Amino acid sequence: QAMAKISIVVPVFNEEEAIKGAIDGIKNSLKGLKDDFEIIA
C-alpha cells in the first residue's frame, strides 16, 4: 500500500570498518520515498 510499514534489518557482527557507511547508504536510499521505514541494526 501507499504507506506500508517496512523494517530494514541489518545483522551486524564485528563490522566497525563498514557499518557507519552501510547505514548512511541505507538512509540516503530512502530519501523521497513515502513509506514508513525503520532501520533495525
Full PDB file with SEQRES, HELIX, SHEET, SSBOND, CRYST1, ORIGX, SCALE, CONECT and MASTER records, all heavy atoms in Angstrom:
SEQRES   1 A   41  GLN ALA MET ALA LYS ILE SER ILE VAL VAL PRO VAL PHE          
SEQRES   2 A   41  ASN GLU GLU GLU ALA ILE LYS GLY ALA ILE ASP GLY ILE          
SEQRES   3 A   41  LYS ASN SER LEU LYS GLY LEU LYS ASP ASP PHE GLU ILE          
SEQRES   4 A   41  ILE ALA                                                      
HELIX    1 AA1 ILE A   19  SER A   29  1                                  11    
SHEET    1 AA1 2 LYS A   5  VAL A   9  0                                        
SHEET    2 AA1 2 ASP A  36  ILE A  40  1                                        
CRYST1    1.000    1.000    1.000  90.00  90.00  90.00 P 1           1          
ORIGX1      1.000000  0.000000  0.000000        0.00000                         
ORIGX2      0.000000  1.000000  0.000000        0.00000                         
ORIGX3      0.000000  0.000000  1.000000        0.00000                         
SCALE1      1.000000  0.000000  0.000000        0.00000                         
SCALE2      0.000000  1.000000  0.000000        0.00000                         
SCALE3      0.000000  0.000000  1.000000        0.00000                         
ATOM      1  N   GLN A   1       0.826  -1.187   0.000  1.00  0.00           N  
ATOM      2  CA  GLN A   1       0.000   0.000   0.000  1.00  0.00           C  
ATOM      3  C   GLN A   1       0.867   1.245   0.000  1.00  0.00           C  
ATOM      4  O   GLN A   1       2.075   1.206   0.156  1.00  0.00           O  
ATOM      5  CB  GLN A   1      -0.922  -0.041   1.223  1.00  0.00           C  
ATOM      6  CG  GLN A   1      -1.845  -1.262   1.221  1.00  0.00           C  
ATOM      7  CD  GLN A   1      -2.648  -1.364   2.497  1.00  0.00           C  
ATOM      8  OE1 GLN A   1      -2.462  -0.573   3.421  1.00  0.00           O  
ATOM      9  NE2 GLN A   1      -3.549  -2.331   2.553  1.00  0.00           N  
ATOM     10  N   ALA A   2       0.201   2.377  -0.148  1.00  0.00           N  
ATOM     11  CA  ALA A   2       0.929   3.642  -0.295  1.00  0.00           C  
ATOM     12  C   ALA A   2       1.796   3.951   0.919  1.00  0.00           C  
ATOM     13  O   ALA A   2       2.878   4.487   0.789  1.00  0.00           O  
ATOM     14  CB  ALA A   2      -0.063   4.774  -0.530  1.00  0.00           C  
ATOM     15  N   MET A   3       1.300   3.605   2.130  1.00  0.00           N  
ATOM     16  CA  MET A   3       2.065   3.903   3.334  1.00  0.00           C  
ATOM     17  C   MET A   3       2.358   2.632   4.116  1.00  0.00           C  
ATOM     18  O   MET A   3       2.078   2.526   5.311  1.00  0.00           O  
ATOM     19  CB  MET A   3       1.304   4.910   4.201  1.00  0.00           C  
ATOM     20  CG  MET A   3       1.328   6.327   3.669  1.00  0.00           C  
ATOM     21  SD  MET A   3       2.998   7.042   3.613  1.00  0.00           S  
ATOM     22  CE  MET A   3       3.360   7.195   5.361  1.00  0.00           C  
ATOM     23  N   ALA A   4       2.864   1.629   3.445  1.00  0.00           N  
ATOM     24  CA  ALA A   4       3.202   0.374   4.113  1.00  0.00           C  
ATOM     25  C   ALA A   4       4.360   0.609   5.077  1.00  0.00           C  
ATOM     26  O   ALA A   4       5.221   1.457   4.852  1.00  0.00           O  
ATOM     27  CB  ALA A   4       3.586  -0.672   3.080  1.00  0.00           C  
ATOM     28  N   LYS A   5       4.361  -0.165   6.166  1.00  0.00           N  
ATOM     29  CA  LYS A   5       5.469  -0.081   7.113  1.00  0.00           C  
ATOM     30  C   LYS A   5       6.503  -1.129   6.759  1.00  0.00           C  
ATOM     31  O   LYS A   5       6.179  -2.308   6.569  1.00  0.00           O  
ATOM     32  CB  LYS A   5       4.978  -0.288   8.551  1.00  0.00           C  
ATOM     33  CG  LYS A   5       6.103  -0.105   9.576  1.00  0.00           C  
ATOM     34  CD  LYS A   5       5.585  -0.107  10.997  1.00  0.00           C  
ATOM     35  CE  LYS A   5       6.739   0.150  11.969  1.00  0.00           C  
ATOM     36  NZ  LYS A   5       6.275   0.160  13.379  1.00  0.00           N  
ATOM     37  N   ILE A   6       7.745  -0.718   6.656  1.00  0.00           N  
ATOM     38  CA  ILE A   6       8.831  -1.605   6.245  1.00  0.00           C  
ATOM     39  C   ILE A   6       9.970  -1.532   7.259  1.00  0.00           C  
ATOM     40  O   ILE A   6      10.473  -0.441   7.566  1.00  0.00           O  
ATOM     41  CB  ILE A   6       9.351  -1.217   4.854  1.00  0.00           C  
ATOM     42  CG1 ILE A   6       8.221  -1.320   3.813  1.00  0.00           C  
ATOM     43  CG2 ILE A   6      10.542  -2.095   4.457  1.00  0.00           C  
ATOM     44  CD1 ILE A   6       8.584  -0.750   2.461  1.00  0.00           C  
ATOM     45  N   SER A   7      10.356  -2.696   7.789  1.00  0.00           N  
ATOM     46  CA  SER A   7      11.508  -2.769   8.684  1.00  0.00           C  
ATOM     47  C   SER A   7      12.730  -3.183   7.872  1.00  0.00           C  
ATOM     48  O   SER A   7      12.706  -4.210   7.191  1.00  0.00           O  
ATOM     49  CB  SER A   7      11.273  -3.790   9.797  1.00  0.00           C  
ATOM     50  OG  SER A   7      10.284  -3.363  10.700  1.00  0.00           O  
ATOM     51  N   ILE A   8      13.773  -2.375   7.940  1.00  0.00           N  
ATOM     52  CA  ILE A   8      15.035  -2.697   7.272  1.00  0.00           C  
ATOM     53  C   ILE A   8      15.968  -3.271   8.330  1.00  0.00           C  
ATOM     54  O   ILE A   8      16.383  -2.572   9.253  1.00  0.00           O  
ATOM     55  CB  ILE A   8      15.648  -1.453   6.609  1.00  0.00           C  
ATOM     56  CG1 ILE A   8      14.694  -0.895   5.559  1.00  0.00           C  
ATOM     57  CG2 ILE A   8      17.003  -1.793   5.985  1.00  0.00           C  
ATOM     58  CD1 ILE A   8      15.167   0.387   4.916  1.00  0.00           C  
ATOM     59  N   VAL A   9      16.271  -4.559   8.207  1.00  0.00           N  
ATOM     60  CA  VAL A   9      17.044  -5.266   9.224  1.00  0.00           C  
ATOM     61  C   VAL A   9      18.485  -5.443   8.759  1.00  0.00           C  
ATOM     62  O   VAL A   9      18.742  -5.959   7.665  1.00  0.00           O  
ATOM     63  CB  VAL A   9      16.416  -6.641   9.535  1.00  0.00           C  
ATOM     64  CG1 VAL A   9      17.229  -7.352  10.619  1.00  0.00           C  
ATOM     65  CG2 VAL A   9      14.959  -6.477   9.969  1.00  0.00           C  
ATOM     66  N   VAL A  10      19.416  -5.017   9.619  1.00  0.00           N  
ATOM     67  CA  VAL A  10      20.840  -5.100   9.303  1.00  0.00           C  
ATOM     68  C   VAL A  10      21.535  -5.927  10.386  1.00  0.00           C  
ATOM     69  O   VAL A  10      21.797  -5.435  11.480  1.00  0.00           O  
ATOM     70  CB  VAL A  10      21.488  -3.704   9.232  1.00  0.00           C  
ATOM     71  CG1 VAL A  10      22.923  -3.807   8.715  1.00  0.00           C  
ATOM     72  CG2 VAL A  10      20.669  -2.746   8.383  1.00  0.00           C  
ATOM     73  N   PRO A  11      21.817  -7.216  10.117  1.00  0.00           N  
ATOM     74  CA  PRO A  11      22.571  -8.014  11.092  1.00  0.00           C  
ATOM     75  C   PRO A  11      24.039  -7.590  11.086  1.00  0.00           C  
ATOM     76  O   PRO A  11      24.630  -7.409  10.019  1.00  0.00           O  
ATOM     77  CB  PRO A  11      22.387  -9.445  10.588  1.00  0.00           C  
ATOM     78  CG  PRO A  11      22.124  -9.303   9.130  1.00  0.00           C  
ATOM     79  CD  PRO A  11      21.431  -7.988   8.927  1.00  0.00           C  
ATOM     80  N   VAL A  12      24.615  -7.438  12.268  1.00  0.00           N  
ATOM     81  CA  VAL A  12      25.973  -6.874  12.356  1.00  0.00           C  
ATOM     82  C   VAL A  12      26.834  -7.687  13.327  1.00  0.00           C  
ATOM     83  O   VAL A  12      26.423  -7.948  14.461  1.00  0.00           O  
ATOM     84  CB  VAL A  12      25.931  -5.411  12.843  1.00  0.00           C  
ATOM     85  CG1 VAL A  12      27.317  -4.810  12.812  1.00  0.00           C  
ATOM     86  CG2 VAL A  12      24.974  -4.580  12.003  1.00  0.00           C  
ATOM     87  N   PHE A  13      28.011  -8.078  12.871  1.00  0.00           N  
ATOM     88  CA  PHE A  13      28.977  -8.727  13.750  1.00  0.00           C  
ATOM     89  C   PHE A  13      30.383  -8.276  13.361  1.00  0.00           C  
ATOM     90  O   PHE A  13      30.879  -8.573  12.287  1.00  0.00           O  
ATOM     91  CB  PHE A  13      28.876 -10.255  13.656  1.00  0.00           C  
ATOM     92  CG  PHE A  13      29.908 -10.976  14.476  1.00  0.00           C  
ATOM     93  CD1 PHE A  13      29.910 -10.856  15.862  1.00  0.00           C  
ATOM     94  CD2 PHE A  13      30.894 -11.747  13.876  1.00  0.00           C  
ATOM     95  CE1 PHE A  13      30.865 -11.510  16.636  1.00  0.00           C  
ATOM     96  CE2 PHE A  13      31.855 -12.407  14.627  1.00  0.00           C  
ATOM     97  CZ  PHE A  13      31.837 -12.288  16.017  1.00  0.00           C  
ATOM     98  N   ASN A  14      31.008  -7.508  14.244  1.00  0.00           N  
ATOM     99  CA  ASN A  14      32.368  -7.001  14.040  1.00  0.00           C  
ATOM    100  C   ASN A  14      32.522  -6.308  12.687  1.00  0.00           C  
ATOM    101  O   ASN A  14      33.361  -6.685  11.862  1.00  0.00           O  
ATOM    102  CB  ASN A  14      33.384  -8.139  14.168  1.00  0.00           C  
ATOM    103  CG  ASN A  14      33.549  -8.618  15.606  1.00  0.00           C  
ATOM    104  OD1 ASN A  14      33.078  -7.974  16.554  1.00  0.00           O  
ATOM    105  ND2 ASN A  14      34.205  -9.737  15.793  1.00  0.00           N  
ATOM    106  N   GLU A  15      31.700  -5.292  12.471  1.00  0.00           N  
ATOM    107  CA  GLU A  15      31.725  -4.549  11.205  1.00  0.00           C  
ATOM    108  C   GLU A  15      32.118  -3.086  11.437  1.00  0.00           C  
ATOM    109  O   GLU A  15      31.566  -2.178  10.824  1.00  0.00           O  
ATOM    110  CB  GLU A  15      30.352  -4.610  10.519  1.00  0.00           C  
ATOM    111  CG  GLU A  15      29.838  -5.997  10.231  1.00  0.00           C  
ATOM    112  CD  GLU A  15      30.628  -6.710   9.147  1.00  0.00           C  
ATOM    113  OE1 GLU A  15      31.574  -6.116   8.611  1.00  0.00           O  
ATOM    114  OE2 GLU A  15      30.303  -7.875   8.863  1.00  0.00           O  
ATOM    115  N   GLU A  16      33.099  -2.843  12.304  1.00  0.00           N  
ATOM    116  CA  GLU A  16      33.478  -1.474  12.645  1.00  0.00           C  
ATOM    117  C   GLU A  16      33.984  -0.688  11.432  1.00  0.00           C  
ATOM    118  O   GLU A  16      33.859   0.536  11.388  1.00  0.00           O  
ATOM    119  CB  GLU A  16      34.549  -1.471  13.743  1.00  0.00           C  
ATOM    120  CG  GLU A  16      35.819  -2.218  13.373  1.00  0.00           C  
ATOM    121  CD  GLU A  16      36.826  -2.272  14.510  1.00  0.00           C  
ATOM    122  OE1 GLU A  16      36.520  -1.743  15.600  1.00  0.00           O  
ATOM    123  OE2 GLU A  16      37.922  -2.843  14.316  1.00  0.00           O  
ATOM    124  N   GLU A  17      34.507  -1.379  10.435  1.00  0.00           N  
ATOM    125  CA  GLU A  17      35.054  -0.696   9.265  1.00  0.00           C  
ATOM    126  C   GLU A  17      33.975  -0.251   8.280  1.00  0.00           C  
ATOM    127  O   GLU A  17      34.199   0.664   7.493  1.00  0.00           O  
ATOM    128  CB  GLU A  17      36.050  -1.605   8.529  1.00  0.00           C  
ATOM    129  CG  GLU A  17      37.273  -1.992   9.329  1.00  0.00           C  
ATOM    130  CD  GLU A  17      38.200  -2.903   8.537  1.00  0.00           C  
ATOM    131  OE1 GLU A  17      38.323  -2.684   7.312  1.00  0.00           O  
ATOM    132  OE2 GLU A  17      38.781  -3.823   9.126  1.00  0.00           O  
ATOM    133  N   ALA A  18      32.816  -0.890   8.338  1.00  0.00           N  
ATOM    134  CA  ALA A  18      31.827  -0.658   7.278  1.00  0.00           C  
ATOM    135  C   ALA A  18      30.457  -0.203   7.747  1.00  0.00           C  
ATOM    136  O   ALA A  18      29.701   0.374   6.958  1.00  0.00           O  
ATOM    137  CB  ALA A  18      31.658  -1.943   6.457  1.00  0.00           C  
ATOM    138  N   ILE A  19      30.107  -0.423   9.001  1.00  0.00           N  
ATOM    139  CA  ILE A  19      28.715  -0.272   9.415  1.00  0.00           C  
ATOM    140  C   ILE A  19      28.192   1.162   9.291  1.00  0.00           C  
ATOM    141  O   ILE A  19      27.054   1.384   8.879  1.00  0.00           O  
ATOM    142  CB  ILE A  19      28.504  -0.804  10.859  1.00  0.00           C  
ATOM    143  CG1 ILE A  19      27.016  -0.826  11.190  1.00  0.00           C  
ATOM    144  CG2 ILE A  19      29.308  -0.001  11.865  1.00  0.00           C  
ATOM    145  CD1 ILE A  19      26.172  -1.662  10.273  1.00  0.00           C  
ATOM    146  N   LYS A  20      29.019   2.146   9.609  1.00  0.00           N  
ATOM    147  CA  LYS A  20      28.568   3.539   9.509  1.00  0.00           C  
ATOM    148  C   LYS A  20      28.221   3.881   8.066  1.00  0.00           C  
ATOM    149  O   LYS A  20      27.155   4.460   7.779  1.00  0.00           O  
ATOM    150  CB  LYS A  20      29.655   4.480  10.030  1.00  0.00           C  
ATOM    151  CG  LYS A  20      29.309   5.974   9.955  1.00  0.00           C  
ATOM    152  CD  LYS A  20      28.178   6.335  10.886  1.00  0.00           C  
ATOM    153  CE  LYS A  20      28.069   7.852  11.071  1.00  0.00           C  
ATOM    154  NZ  LYS A  20      27.861   8.609   9.830  1.00  0.00           N  
ATOM    155  N   GLY A  21      29.089   3.527   7.139  1.00  0.00           N  
ATOM    156  CA  GLY A  21      28.835   3.802   5.726  1.00  0.00           C  
ATOM    157  C   GLY A  21      27.647   3.034   5.203  1.00  0.00           C  
ATOM    158  O   GLY A  21      26.876   3.544   4.383  1.00  0.00           O  
ATOM    159  N   ALA A  22      27.479   1.784   5.683  1.00  0.00           N  
ATOM    160  CA  ALA A  22      26.359   0.964   5.226  1.00  0.00           C  
ATOM    161  C   ALA A  22      25.019   1.578   5.640  1.00  0.00           C  
ATOM    162  O   ALA A  22      24.085   1.664   4.826  1.00  0.00           O  
ATOM    163  CB  ALA A  22      26.485  -0.452   5.788  1.00  0.00           C  
ATOM    164  N   ILE A  23      24.915   2.017   6.874  1.00  0.00           N  
ATOM    165  CA  ILE A  23      23.658   2.606   7.346  1.00  0.00           C  
ATOM    166  C   ILE A  23      23.421   3.975   6.712  1.00  0.00           C  
ATOM    167  O   ILE A  23      22.283   4.323   6.366  1.00  0.00           O  
ATOM    168  CB  ILE A  23      23.643   2.686   8.884  1.00  0.00           C  
ATOM    169  CG1 ILE A  23      23.565   1.269   9.454  1.00  0.00           C  
ATOM    170  CG2 ILE A  23      22.470   3.530   9.378  1.00  0.00           C  
ATOM    171  CD1 ILE A  23      23.505   1.180  10.948  1.00  0.00           C  
ATOM    172  N   ASP A  24      24.477   4.746   6.513  1.00  0.00           N  
ATOM    173  CA  ASP A  24      24.334   6.024   5.802  1.00  0.00           C  
ATOM    174  C   ASP A  24      23.807   5.783   4.388  1.00  0.00           C  
ATOM    175  O   ASP A  24      22.962   6.540   3.883  1.00  0.00           O  
ATOM    176  CB  ASP A  24      25.679   6.759   5.734  1.00  0.00           C  
ATOM    177  CG  ASP A  24      26.066   7.386   7.071  1.00  0.00           C  
ATOM    178  OD1 ASP A  24      25.179   7.508   7.945  1.00  0.00           O  
ATOM    179  OD2 ASP A  24      27.248   7.739   7.228  1.00  0.00           O  
ATOM    180  N   GLY A  25      24.301   4.741   3.739  1.00  0.00           N  
ATOM    181  CA  GLY A  25      23.832   4.407   2.399  1.00  0.00           C  
ATOM    182  C   GLY A  25      22.360   4.034   2.394  1.00  0.00           C  
ATOM    183  O   GLY A  25      21.614   4.407   1.481  1.00  0.00           O  
ATOM    184  N   ILE A  26      21.923   3.304   3.408  1.00  0.00           N  
ATOM    185  CA  ILE A  26      20.510   2.941   3.520  1.00  0.00           C  
ATOM    186  C   ILE A  26      19.651   4.188   3.690  1.00  0.00           C  
ATOM    187  O   ILE A  26      18.623   4.350   3.013  1.00  0.00           O  
ATOM    188  CB  ILE A  26      20.291   1.977   4.712  1.00  0.00           C  
ATOM    189  CG1 ILE A  26      20.991   0.643   4.449  1.00  0.00           C  
ATOM    190  CG2 ILE A  26      18.792   1.757   4.958  1.00  0.00           C  
ATOM    191  CD1 ILE A  26      21.041  -0.271   5.648  1.00  0.00           C  
ATOM    192  N   LYS A  27      20.076   5.067   4.577  1.00  0.00           N  
ATOM    193  CA  LYS A  27      19.314   6.305   4.812  1.00  0.00           C  
ATOM    194  C   LYS A  27      19.211   7.141   3.544  1.00  0.00           C  
ATOM    195  O   LYS A  27      18.141   7.688   3.233  1.00  0.00           O  
ATOM    196  CB  LYS A  27      19.979   7.121   5.934  1.00  0.00           C  
ATOM    197  CG  LYS A  27      19.807   6.518   7.321  1.00  0.00           C  
ATOM    198  CD  LYS A  27      20.445   7.431   8.372  1.00  0.00           C  
ATOM    199  CE  LYS A  27      20.199   6.919   9.777  1.00  0.00           C  
ATOM    200  NZ  LYS A  27      20.813   7.805  10.792  1.00  0.00           N  
ATOM    201  N   ASN A  28      20.303   7.252   2.811  1.00  0.00           N  
ATOM    202  CA  ASN A  28      20.282   8.031   1.568  1.00  0.00           C  
ATOM    203  C   ASN A  28      19.340   7.423   0.533  1.00  0.00           C  
ATOM    204  O   ASN A  28      18.679   8.148  -0.220  1.00  0.00           O  
ATOM    205  CB  ASN A  28      21.698   8.121   0.986  1.00  0.00           C  
ATOM    206  CG  ASN A  28      22.608   9.016   1.804  1.00  0.00           C  
ATOM    207  OD1 ASN A  28      22.147   9.941   2.482  1.00  0.00           O  
ATOM    208  ND2 ASN A  28      23.900   8.747   1.768  1.00  0.00           N  
ATOM    209  N   SER A  29      19.255   6.100   0.509  1.00  0.00           N  
ATOM    210  CA  SER A  29      18.400   5.434  -0.474  1.00  0.00           C  
ATOM    211  C   SER A  29      16.915   5.645  -0.182  1.00  0.00           C  
ATOM    212  O   SER A  29      16.079   5.493  -1.078  1.00  0.00           O  
ATOM    213  CB  SER A  29      18.700   3.932  -0.505  1.00  0.00           C  
ATOM    214  OG  SER A  29      18.192   3.287   0.649  1.00  0.00           O  
ATOM    215  N   LEU A  30      16.586   5.988   1.051  1.00  0.00           N  
ATOM    216  CA  LEU A  30      15.180   6.141   1.448  1.00  0.00           C  
ATOM    217  C   LEU A  30      14.648   7.553   1.246  1.00  0.00           C  
ATOM    218  O   LEU A  30      13.440   7.791   1.393  1.00  0.00           O  
ATOM    219  CB  LEU A  30      15.005   5.750   2.924  1.00  0.00           C  
ATOM    220  CG  LEU A  30      15.452   4.334   3.314  1.00  0.00           C  
ATOM    221  CD1 LEU A  30      15.238   4.106   4.796  1.00  0.00           C  
ATOM    222  CD2 LEU A  30      14.702   3.292   2.489  1.00  0.00           C  
ATOM    223  N   LYS A  31      15.529   8.473   0.917  1.00  0.00           N  
ATOM    224  CA  LYS A  31      15.102   9.868   0.739  1.00  0.00           C  
ATOM    225  C   LYS A  31      14.096   9.990  -0.410  1.00  0.00           C  
ATOM    226  O   LYS A  31      14.320   9.485  -1.499  1.00  0.00           O  
ATOM    227  CB  LYS A  31      16.314  10.759   0.465  1.00  0.00           C  
ATOM    228  CG  LYS A  31      17.228  10.925   1.675  1.00  0.00           C  
ATOM    229  CD  LYS A  31      18.430  11.798   1.347  1.00  0.00           C  
ATOM    230  CE  LYS A  31      19.331  11.965   2.585  1.00  0.00           C  
ATOM    231  NZ  LYS A  31      20.528  12.787   2.264  1.00  0.00           N  
ATOM    232  N   GLY A  32      12.990  10.639  -0.138  1.00  0.00           N  
ATOM    233  CA  GLY A  32      11.969  10.848  -1.157  1.00  0.00           C  
ATOM    234  C   GLY A  32      10.930   9.753  -1.235  1.00  0.00           C  
ATOM    235  O   GLY A  32       9.939   9.896  -1.946  1.00  0.00           O  
ATOM    236  N   LEU A  33      11.141   8.650  -0.513  1.00  0.00           N  
ATOM    237  CA  LEU A  33      10.164   7.564  -0.511  1.00  0.00           C  
ATOM    238  C   LEU A  33       9.079   7.838   0.529  1.00  0.00           C  
ATOM    239  O   LEU A  33       9.344   8.402   1.584  1.00  0.00           O  
ATOM    240  CB  LEU A  33      10.855   6.224  -0.220  1.00  0.00           C  
ATOM    241  CG  LEU A  33      11.943   5.807  -1.207  1.00  0.00           C  
ATOM    242  CD1 LEU A  33      12.540   4.468  -0.811  1.00  0.00           C  
ATOM    243  CD2 LEU A  33      11.385   5.730  -2.625  1.00  0.00           C  
ATOM    244  N   LYS A  34       7.855   7.414   0.237  1.00  0.00           N  
ATOM    245  CA  LYS A  34       6.716   7.772   1.078  1.00  0.00           C  
ATOM    246  C   LYS A  34       6.361   6.750   2.148  1.00  0.00           C  
ATOM    247  O   LYS A  34       5.562   7.048   3.034  1.00  0.00           O  
ATOM    248  CB  LYS A  34       5.484   8.014   0.189  1.00  0.00           C  
ATOM    249  CG  LYS A  34       5.642   9.172  -0.781  1.00  0.00           C  
ATOM    250  CD  LYS A  34       4.400   9.333  -1.640  1.00  0.00           C  
ATOM    251  CE  LYS A  34       4.551  10.501  -2.607  1.00  0.00           C  
ATOM    252  NZ  LYS A  34       3.342  10.667  -3.455  1.00  0.00           N  
ATOM    253  N   ASP A  35       6.917   5.570   2.078  1.00  0.00           N  
ATOM    254  CA  ASP A  35       6.540   4.524   3.025  1.00  0.00           C  
ATOM    255  C   ASP A  35       7.130   4.791   4.413  1.00  0.00           C  
ATOM    256  O   ASP A  35       8.038   5.615   4.582  1.00  0.00           O  
ATOM    257  CB  ASP A  35       6.985   3.162   2.506  1.00  0.00           C  
ATOM    258  CG  ASP A  35       6.296   2.800   1.206  1.00  0.00           C  
ATOM    259  OD1 ASP A  35       5.060   2.686   1.206  1.00  0.00           O  
ATOM    260  OD2 ASP A  35       6.986   2.662   0.179  1.00  0.00           O  
ATOM    261  N   ASP A  36       6.612   4.073   5.389  1.00  0.00           N  
ATOM    262  CA  ASP A  36       7.038   4.217   6.781  1.00  0.00           C  
ATOM    263  C   ASP A  36       8.173   3.226   7.043  1.00  0.00           C  
ATOM    264  O   ASP A  36       7.953   2.024   7.100  1.00  0.00           O  
ATOM    265  CB  ASP A  36       5.842   3.940   7.702  1.00  0.00           C  
ATOM    266  CG  ASP A  36       6.205   4.086   9.177  1.00  0.00           C  
ATOM    267  OD1 ASP A  36       7.286   4.649   9.466  1.00  0.00           O  
ATOM    268  OD2 ASP A  36       5.415   3.628  10.020  1.00  0.00           O  
ATOM    269  N   PHE A  37       9.394   3.754   7.185  1.00  0.00           N  
ATOM    270  CA  PHE A  37      10.558   2.902   7.349  1.00  0.00           C  
ATOM    271  C   PHE A  37      11.116   2.962   8.769  1.00  0.00           C  
ATOM    272  O   PHE A  37      11.042   4.001   9.425  1.00  0.00           O  
ATOM    273  CB  PHE A  37      11.683   3.327   6.383  1.00  0.00           C  
ATOM    274  CG  PHE A  37      11.342   3.153   4.932  1.00  0.00           C  
ATOM    275  CD1 PHE A  37      10.884   4.226   4.186  1.00  0.00           C  
ATOM    276  CD2 PHE A  37      11.498   1.924   4.310  1.00  0.00           C  
ATOM    277  CE1 PHE A  37      10.576   4.088   2.847  1.00  0.00           C  
ATOM    278  CE2 PHE A  37      11.201   1.769   2.965  1.00  0.00           C  
ATOM    279  CZ  PHE A  37      10.744   2.848   2.234  1.00  0.00           C  
ATOM    280  N   GLU A  38      11.682   1.837   9.203  1.00  0.00           N  
ATOM    281  CA  GLU A  38      12.504   1.810  10.412  1.00  0.00           C  
ATOM    282  C   GLU A  38      13.735   0.967  10.110  1.00  0.00           C  
ATOM    283  O   GLU A  38      13.654  -0.026   9.386  1.00  0.00           O  
ATOM    284  CB  GLU A  38      11.739   1.230  11.607  1.00  0.00           C  
ATOM    285  CG  GLU A  38      11.368  -0.236  11.474  1.00  0.00           C  
ATOM    286  CD  GLU A  38      10.799  -0.828  12.765  1.00  0.00           C  
ATOM    287  OE1 GLU A  38      10.833  -0.120  13.791  1.00  0.00           O  
ATOM    288  OE2 GLU A  38      10.333  -1.985  12.727  1.00  0.00           O  
ATOM    289  N   ILE A  39      14.862   1.394  10.623  1.00  0.00           N  
ATOM    290  CA  ILE A  39      16.111   0.652  10.435  1.00  0.00           C  
ATOM    291  C   ILE A  39      16.445  -0.045  11.745  1.00  0.00           C  
ATOM    292  O   ILE A  39      16.587   0.608  12.787  1.00  0.00           O  
ATOM    293  CB  ILE A  39      17.263   1.579  10.010  1.00  0.00           C  
ATOM    294  CG1 ILE A  39      16.928   2.265   8.681  1.00  0.00           C  
ATOM    295  CG2 ILE A  39      18.569   0.788   9.883  1.00  0.00           C  
ATOM    296  CD1 ILE A  39      17.951   3.303   8.253  1.00  0.00           C  
ATOM    297  N   ILE A  40      16.547  -1.370  11.693  1.00  0.00           N  
ATOM    298  CA  ILE A  40      16.865  -2.161  12.876  1.00  0.00           C  
ATOM    299  C   ILE A  40      18.240  -2.797  12.691  1.00  0.00           C  
ATOM    300  O   ILE A  40      18.435  -3.632  11.806  1.00  0.00           O  
ATOM    301  CB  ILE A  40      15.825  -3.276  13.110  1.00  0.00           C  
ATOM    302  CG1 ILE A  40      14.413  -2.690  13.198  1.00  0.00           C  
ATOM    303  CG2 ILE A  40      16.159  -4.069  14.371  1.00  0.00           C  
ATOM    304  CD1 ILE A  40      13.321  -3.756  13.307  1.00  0.00           C  
ATOM    305  N   ALA A  41      19.199  -2.386  13.518  1.00  0.00           N  
ATOM    306  CA  ALA A  41      20.533  -2.980  13.492  1.00  0.00           C  
ATOM    307  C   ALA A  41      20.630  -3.986  14.629  1.00  0.00           C  
ATOM    308  O   ALA A  41      20.376  -3.646  15.791  1.00  0.00           O  
ATOM    309  CB  ALA A  41      21.603  -1.903  13.636  1.00  0.00           C  
TER     310      ALA A  41                                                      
MASTER        0    0    0    1    2    0    0    6  309    1    0    4          
END                                                                             
